[in-house]
Amino acid sequence: MIEIDFAREILAMVRAFLILGMRTQPIYRIILSRLYYAAHHVGRLMLRNVGLAPEQWYADVHRRVLDELERHFVSTGAMSRNAWRALWQLRQLRTLADYTLSTPIRLRNINQAMTLFTTYFDECCRILGVS
C-alpha cells in the first residue's frame, strides 16, 4: 500500500530533520503539513477499502474524509474517537502552519503532531491489518 509506505517515509523524514537539528520555522511548517497529509492519505485508503471513492470528492475533501471516517469507523467501534480526533488535530496544526505565519511553530507543536500522527497511524494500520 503506497499510502502506508508514504506515511512511514514521512515519519522517518521528520525524525531525520529533528536529529539533524533542522529546527527552523519553514522546516517546522513543512513537518506539520507533511504529517497531516500523510495521515490524510491513509484515511483516504481506509475509505477506499469500504467502497468509497475519495479521489472523486472535490468540495471540502478534508472535512469529508473526517466525516466518512467517523461514520464508517468510529461510529461502528472499529476506530477509537481518540485516533479520529488525532487526525482532526493534525488538520488544525497543518492549518496553523500553512495559514497563520504570524504564529510561531514550536518544538512542542512538532512533538504533539508526531504523537498525534503515531496514535492515528498505528490504529489505521491495526484496522487495515498492516504491520
N, C-alpha and C. Protein backbone atom coordinates (compact mmCIF):
# COMPACT_ATOMS: atom_id res chain seq x y z
N MET A 1 0.84 -1.18 0.00
CA MET A 1 0.00 0.00 0.00
C MET A 1 0.88 1.24 0.00
N ILE A 2 0.79 1.97 -1.06
CA ILE A 2 1.66 3.13 -1.22
C ILE A 2 1.44 4.18 -0.13
N GLU A 3 0.21 4.32 0.33
CA GLU A 3 -0.09 5.31 1.37
C GLU A 3 0.61 4.97 2.69
N ILE A 4 0.67 3.70 3.01
CA ILE A 4 1.33 3.26 4.24
C ILE A 4 2.83 3.51 4.12
N ASP A 5 3.40 3.13 3.00
CA ASP A 5 4.84 3.38 2.78
C ASP A 5 5.14 4.87 2.83
N PHE A 6 4.29 5.67 2.20
CA PHE A 6 4.47 7.12 2.20
C PHE A 6 4.45 7.66 3.63
N ALA A 7 3.49 7.22 4.41
CA ALA A 7 3.37 7.70 5.80
C ALA A 7 4.62 7.33 6.60
N ARG A 8 5.11 6.12 6.42
CA ARG A 8 6.33 5.69 7.12
C ARG A 8 7.53 6.52 6.69
N GLU A 9 7.62 6.81 5.41
CA GLU A 9 8.73 7.64 4.90
C GLU A 9 8.66 9.07 5.45
N ILE A 10 7.45 9.60 5.55
CA ILE A 10 7.30 10.95 6.11
C ILE A 10 7.74 10.97 7.57
N LEU A 11 7.32 9.99 8.34
CA LEU A 11 7.72 9.93 9.74
C LEU A 11 9.23 9.81 9.86
N ALA A 12 9.85 9.01 9.02
CA ALA A 12 11.32 8.88 9.03
C ALA A 12 11.97 10.21 8.66
N MET A 13 11.40 10.92 7.69
CA MET A 13 11.93 12.21 7.27
C MET A 13 11.86 13.21 8.43
N VAL A 14 10.73 13.23 9.12
CA VAL A 14 10.56 14.15 10.25
C VAL A 14 11.61 13.86 11.32
N ARG A 15 11.78 12.59 11.63
CA ARG A 15 12.78 12.22 12.65
C ARG A 15 14.18 12.64 12.20
N ALA A 16 14.48 12.44 10.92
CA ALA A 16 15.80 12.83 10.40
C ALA A 16 16.01 14.34 10.50
N PHE A 17 15.00 15.11 10.13
CA PHE A 17 15.11 16.57 10.24
C PHE A 17 15.45 16.97 11.67
N LEU A 18 14.78 16.37 12.63
CA LEU A 18 14.99 16.73 14.03
C LEU A 18 16.36 16.27 14.52
N ILE A 19 16.77 15.07 14.13
CA ILE A 19 18.10 14.57 14.52
C ILE A 19 19.19 15.46 13.94
N LEU A 20 18.98 15.93 12.71
CA LEU A 20 19.98 16.79 12.06
C LEU A 20 19.94 18.23 12.58
N GLY A 21 19.02 18.53 13.49
CA GLY A 21 18.94 19.86 14.05
C GLY A 21 18.26 20.87 13.15
N MET A 22 17.48 20.40 12.21
CA MET A 22 16.78 21.30 11.29
C MET A 22 15.53 21.82 12.00
N ARG A 23 15.69 22.91 12.70
CA ARG A 23 14.63 23.40 13.57
C ARG A 23 14.30 24.87 13.28
N THR A 24 14.00 25.14 12.04
CA THR A 24 13.61 26.49 11.64
C THR A 24 12.10 26.54 11.43
N GLN A 25 11.57 27.72 11.36
CA GLN A 25 10.13 27.86 11.13
C GLN A 25 9.68 27.20 9.82
N PRO A 26 10.40 27.41 8.72
CA PRO A 26 9.96 26.74 7.49
C PRO A 26 9.97 25.21 7.63
N ILE A 27 10.98 24.65 8.26
CA ILE A 27 11.04 23.20 8.44
C ILE A 27 9.91 22.74 9.35
N TYR A 28 9.66 23.44 10.44
CA TYR A 28 8.55 23.07 11.33
C TYR A 28 7.22 23.10 10.58
N ARG A 29 7.04 24.09 9.74
CA ARG A 29 5.79 24.19 8.97
C ARG A 29 5.67 23.06 7.95
N ILE A 30 6.78 22.71 7.33
CA ILE A 30 6.79 21.58 6.39
C ILE A 30 6.45 20.29 7.14
N ILE A 31 7.04 20.10 8.31
CA ILE A 31 6.78 18.90 9.10
C ILE A 31 5.30 18.76 9.42
N LEU A 32 4.69 19.83 9.90
CA LEU A 32 3.26 19.76 10.26
C LEU A 32 2.41 19.45 9.04
N SER A 33 2.73 20.08 7.94
CA SER A 33 1.97 19.85 6.72
C SER A 33 2.11 18.41 6.24
N ARG A 34 3.33 17.93 6.17
CA ARG A 34 3.57 16.58 5.66
C ARG A 34 2.98 15.50 6.56
N LEU A 35 3.07 15.68 7.88
CA LEU A 35 2.46 14.70 8.78
C LEU A 35 0.95 14.64 8.56
N TYR A 36 0.33 15.79 8.45
CA TYR A 36 -1.11 15.78 8.22
C TYR A 36 -1.45 15.10 6.89
N TYR A 37 -0.78 15.48 5.82
CA TYR A 37 -1.13 14.92 4.52
C TYR A 37 -0.86 13.42 4.45
N ALA A 38 0.19 12.95 5.11
CA ALA A 38 0.42 11.50 5.16
C ALA A 38 -0.74 10.82 5.86
N ALA A 39 -1.20 11.38 6.97
CA ALA A 39 -2.34 10.82 7.70
C ALA A 39 -3.62 10.89 6.86
N HIS A 40 -3.81 12.00 6.18
CA HIS A 40 -4.98 12.18 5.31
C HIS A 40 -5.02 11.10 4.23
N HIS A 41 -3.89 10.82 3.62
CA HIS A 41 -3.85 9.81 2.56
C HIS A 41 -4.15 8.41 3.11
N VAL A 42 -3.71 8.13 4.33
CA VAL A 42 -4.05 6.85 4.95
C VAL A 42 -5.56 6.78 5.17
N GLY A 43 -6.16 7.89 5.58
CA GLY A 43 -7.62 7.93 5.74
C GLY A 43 -8.34 7.68 4.43
N ARG A 44 -7.85 8.24 3.37
CA ARG A 44 -8.44 8.00 2.05
C ARG A 44 -8.33 6.52 1.66
N LEU A 45 -7.20 5.91 1.96
CA LEU A 45 -7.03 4.48 1.72
C LEU A 45 -8.08 3.68 2.48
N MET A 46 -8.26 4.01 3.72
CA MET A 46 -9.25 3.29 4.53
C MET A 46 -10.65 3.42 3.94
N LEU A 47 -10.96 4.61 3.46
CA LEU A 47 -12.29 4.82 2.88
C LEU A 47 -12.45 4.09 1.55
N ARG A 48 -11.38 4.02 0.77
CA ARG A 48 -11.45 3.23 -0.46
C ARG A 48 -11.70 1.76 -0.13
N ASN A 49 -11.15 1.29 0.99
CA ASN A 49 -11.34 -0.11 1.39
C ASN A 49 -12.77 -0.43 1.79
N VAL A 50 -13.59 0.59 2.07
CA VAL A 50 -15.01 0.33 2.37
C VAL A 50 -15.89 0.73 1.19
N GLY A 51 -15.27 0.92 0.02
CA GLY A 51 -16.03 1.14 -1.20
C GLY A 51 -16.30 2.58 -1.57
N LEU A 52 -15.70 3.52 -0.87
CA LEU A 52 -15.89 4.93 -1.22
C LEU A 52 -14.81 5.36 -2.21
N ALA A 53 -15.02 6.50 -2.84
CA ALA A 53 -14.08 7.00 -3.85
C ALA A 53 -13.67 8.44 -3.53
N PRO A 54 -12.82 8.63 -2.51
CA PRO A 54 -12.44 9.99 -2.12
C PRO A 54 -11.73 10.77 -3.22
N GLU A 55 -11.12 10.08 -4.18
CA GLU A 55 -10.46 10.80 -5.28
C GLU A 55 -11.46 11.53 -6.16
N GLN A 56 -12.73 11.23 -6.01
CA GLN A 56 -13.77 11.91 -6.79
C GLN A 56 -14.45 13.04 -6.02
N TRP A 57 -14.05 13.25 -4.78
CA TRP A 57 -14.64 14.32 -3.97
C TRP A 57 -13.86 15.60 -4.22
N TYR A 58 -14.58 16.66 -4.51
CA TYR A 58 -13.91 17.92 -4.79
C TYR A 58 -14.22 19.01 -3.77
N ALA A 59 -15.39 18.99 -3.21
CA ALA A 59 -15.79 20.02 -2.25
C ALA A 59 -15.39 19.59 -0.84
N ASP A 60 -14.52 20.35 -0.23
CA ASP A 60 -14.07 20.15 1.15
C ASP A 60 -13.71 18.69 1.44
N VAL A 61 -12.82 18.14 0.64
CA VAL A 61 -12.44 16.74 0.74
C VAL A 61 -11.85 16.42 2.12
N HIS A 62 -11.15 17.36 2.73
CA HIS A 62 -10.53 17.09 4.02
C HIS A 62 -11.58 16.88 5.10
N ARG A 63 -12.60 17.72 5.10
CA ARG A 63 -13.69 17.56 6.06
C ARG A 63 -14.47 16.28 5.77
N ARG A 64 -14.66 15.99 4.51
CA ARG A 64 -15.43 14.80 4.15
C ARG A 64 -14.70 13.52 4.56
N VAL A 65 -13.39 13.49 4.42
CA VAL A 65 -12.63 12.33 4.88
C VAL A 65 -12.85 12.13 6.37
N LEU A 66 -12.76 13.20 7.13
CA LEU A 66 -13.02 13.10 8.57
C LEU A 66 -14.44 12.59 8.85
N ASP A 67 -15.41 13.18 8.17
CA ASP A 67 -16.81 12.77 8.38
C ASP A 67 -17.04 11.31 8.04
N GLU A 68 -16.48 10.87 6.91
CA GLU A 68 -16.69 9.49 6.48
C GLU A 68 -15.93 8.50 7.37
N LEU A 69 -14.75 8.89 7.84
CA LEU A 69 -14.04 8.03 8.80
C LEU A 69 -14.85 7.88 10.08
N GLU A 70 -15.45 8.97 10.49
CA GLU A 70 -16.28 8.91 11.70
C GLU A 70 -17.48 7.98 11.46
N ARG A 71 -18.10 8.12 10.32
CA ARG A 71 -19.30 7.33 10.02
C ARG A 71 -18.98 5.85 9.84
N HIS A 72 -17.91 5.54 9.12
CA HIS A 72 -17.62 4.14 8.78
C HIS A 72 -16.75 3.42 9.81
N PHE A 73 -16.01 4.16 10.63
CA PHE A 73 -15.09 3.50 11.54
C PHE A 73 -15.34 3.84 13.01
N VAL A 74 -15.51 5.12 13.33
CA VAL A 74 -15.70 5.49 14.73
C VAL A 74 -17.07 5.05 15.22
N SER A 75 -18.10 5.36 14.46
CA SER A 75 -19.46 5.03 14.91
C SER A 75 -19.70 3.52 14.97
N THR A 76 -18.90 2.74 14.25
CA THR A 76 -19.04 1.28 14.29
C THR A 76 -18.14 0.65 15.35
N GLY A 77 -17.31 1.47 15.98
CA GLY A 77 -16.41 0.96 17.01
C GLY A 77 -15.09 0.40 16.47
N ALA A 78 -14.88 0.47 15.17
CA ALA A 78 -13.64 -0.04 14.58
C ALA A 78 -12.45 0.86 14.90
N MET A 79 -12.72 2.16 15.01
CA MET A 79 -11.67 3.14 15.31
C MET A 79 -12.07 3.90 16.56
N SER A 80 -11.11 4.17 17.41
CA SER A 80 -11.40 4.95 18.62
C SER A 80 -11.61 6.41 18.25
N ARG A 81 -12.41 7.07 19.03
CA ARG A 81 -12.60 8.50 18.84
C ARG A 81 -11.28 9.23 19.04
N ASN A 82 -10.43 8.71 19.90
CA ASN A 82 -9.12 9.32 20.15
C ASN A 82 -8.27 9.34 18.88
N ALA A 83 -8.27 8.25 18.15
CA ALA A 83 -7.49 8.19 16.89
C ALA A 83 -8.08 9.14 15.86
N TRP A 84 -9.41 9.16 15.75
CA TRP A 84 -10.08 10.07 14.81
C TRP A 84 -9.76 11.52 15.18
N ARG A 85 -9.83 11.82 16.46
CA ARG A 85 -9.54 13.18 16.94
C ARG A 85 -8.09 13.56 16.64
N ALA A 86 -7.19 12.59 16.65
CA ALA A 86 -5.79 12.86 16.32
C ALA A 86 -5.67 13.39 14.90
N LEU A 87 -6.40 12.79 13.96
CA LEU A 87 -6.39 13.30 12.58
C LEU A 87 -6.96 14.71 12.54
N TRP A 88 -8.04 14.94 13.25
CA TRP A 88 -8.66 16.27 13.29
C TRP A 88 -7.67 17.31 13.83
N GLN A 89 -6.95 16.95 14.89
CA GLN A 89 -5.98 17.87 15.47
C GLN A 89 -4.79 18.08 14.54
N LEU A 90 -4.37 17.04 13.83
CA LEU A 90 -3.30 17.22 12.83
C LEU A 90 -3.73 18.21 11.76
N ARG A 91 -4.99 18.13 11.37
CA ARG A 91 -5.51 19.08 10.37
C ARG A 91 -5.45 20.51 10.92
N GLN A 92 -5.80 20.68 12.18
CA GLN A 92 -5.74 22.01 12.80
C GLN A 92 -4.30 22.54 12.83
N LEU A 93 -3.37 21.68 13.18
CA LEU A 93 -1.97 22.10 13.21
C LEU A 93 -1.46 22.44 11.81
N ARG A 94 -1.87 21.66 10.82
CA ARG A 94 -1.48 21.96 9.43
C ARG A 94 -2.04 23.29 8.99
N THR A 95 -3.27 23.57 9.35
CA THR A 95 -3.88 24.86 9.01
C THR A 95 -3.12 26.01 9.67
N LEU A 96 -2.77 25.83 10.93
CA LEU A 96 -1.98 26.84 11.63
C LEU A 96 -0.65 27.06 10.92
N ALA A 97 0.01 25.98 10.56
CA ALA A 97 1.33 26.08 9.91
C ALA A 97 1.25 26.74 8.55
N ASP A 98 0.20 26.42 7.79
CA ASP A 98 0.10 26.92 6.42
C ASP A 98 -0.49 28.32 6.30
N TYR A 99 -1.35 28.71 7.23
CA TYR A 99 -2.09 29.95 7.04
C TYR A 99 -1.87 31.01 8.11
N THR A 100 -1.20 30.68 9.19
CA THR A 100 -1.00 31.66 10.25
C THR A 100 0.49 31.86 10.49
N LEU A 101 1.11 32.54 9.55
CA LEU A 101 2.56 32.72 9.62
C LEU A 101 2.98 33.59 10.79
N SER A 102 2.08 34.38 11.31
CA SER A 102 2.43 35.25 12.44
C SER A 102 2.52 34.47 13.76
N THR A 103 2.03 33.25 13.78
CA THR A 103 2.12 32.42 14.99
C THR A 103 3.31 31.47 14.83
N PRO A 104 4.29 31.60 15.71
CA PRO A 104 5.46 30.72 15.59
C PRO A 104 5.10 29.27 15.94
N ILE A 105 5.69 28.36 15.21
CA ILE A 105 5.55 26.94 15.48
C ILE A 105 6.70 26.56 16.42
N ARG A 106 6.37 25.86 17.46
CA ARG A 106 7.34 25.49 18.49
C ARG A 106 7.66 23.99 18.39
N LEU A 107 8.75 23.60 19.00
CA LEU A 107 9.11 22.19 19.04
C LEU A 107 8.00 21.38 19.71
N ARG A 108 7.34 21.95 20.70
CA ARG A 108 6.25 21.23 21.37
C ARG A 108 5.11 20.93 20.39
N ASN A 109 4.88 21.82 19.40
CA ASN A 109 3.88 21.55 18.37
C ASN A 109 4.29 20.36 17.50
N ILE A 110 5.58 20.28 17.21
CA ILE A 110 6.10 19.17 16.40
C ILE A 110 5.97 17.87 17.18
N ASN A 111 6.35 17.90 18.45
CA ASN A 111 6.23 16.70 19.28
C ASN A 111 4.77 16.26 19.41
N GLN A 112 3.89 17.22 19.58
CA GLN A 112 2.46 16.92 19.65
C GLN A 112 2.00 16.27 18.35
N ALA A 113 2.41 16.84 17.22
CA ALA A 113 2.00 16.31 15.92
C ALA A 113 2.53 14.89 15.71
N MET A 114 3.73 14.63 16.13
CA MET A 114 4.28 13.28 15.99
C MET A 114 3.51 12.28 16.84
N THR A 115 3.13 12.68 18.04
CA THR A 115 2.32 11.81 18.90
C THR A 115 0.95 11.58 18.28
N LEU A 116 0.32 12.64 17.78
CA LEU A 116 -0.99 12.51 17.14
C LEU A 116 -0.89 11.60 15.92
N PHE A 117 0.12 11.82 15.10
CA PHE A 117 0.30 11.01 13.90
C PHE A 117 0.45 9.54 14.27
N THR A 118 1.29 9.25 15.24
CA THR A 118 1.53 7.87 15.64
C THR A 118 0.27 7.22 16.18
N THR A 119 -0.48 7.95 16.99
CA THR A 119 -1.75 7.43 17.52
C THR A 119 -2.68 7.05 16.38
N TYR A 120 -2.86 7.95 15.44
CA TYR A 120 -3.76 7.72 14.31
C TYR A 120 -3.23 6.63 13.38
N PHE A 121 -1.98 6.73 13.01
CA PHE A 121 -1.39 5.80 12.05
C PHE A 121 -1.38 4.37 12.58
N ASP A 122 -0.98 4.20 13.84
CA ASP A 122 -0.94 2.87 14.43
C ASP A 122 -2.33 2.23 14.43
N GLU A 123 -3.34 3.01 14.74
CA GLU A 123 -4.69 2.46 14.75
C GLU A 123 -5.18 2.14 13.34
N CYS A 124 -4.85 2.98 12.39
CA CYS A 124 -5.21 2.69 10.99
C CYS A 124 -4.54 1.41 10.51
N CYS A 125 -3.27 1.23 10.85
CA CYS A 125 -2.56 0.02 10.46
C CYS A 125 -3.21 -1.21 11.09
N ARG A 126 -3.62 -1.09 12.34
CA ARG A 126 -4.31 -2.20 13.00
C ARG A 126 -5.59 -2.55 12.26
N ILE A 127 -6.38 -1.53 11.92
CA ILE A 127 -7.65 -1.74 11.22
C ILE A 127 -7.40 -2.36 9.84
N LEU A 128 -6.37 -1.89 9.16
CA LEU A 128 -6.06 -2.38 7.82
C LEU A 128 -5.35 -3.73 7.83
N GLY A 129 -4.91 -4.16 9.02
CA GLY A 129 -4.18 -5.41 9.11
C GLY A 129 -2.77 -5.34 8.57
N VAL A 130 -2.17 -4.16 8.72
CA VAL A 130 -0.81 -3.92 8.23
C VAL A 130 0.12 -3.85 9.42
N SER A 131 1.26 -4.52 9.30
CA SER A 131 2.23 -4.45 10.41
C SER A 131 3.41 -3.58 10.06
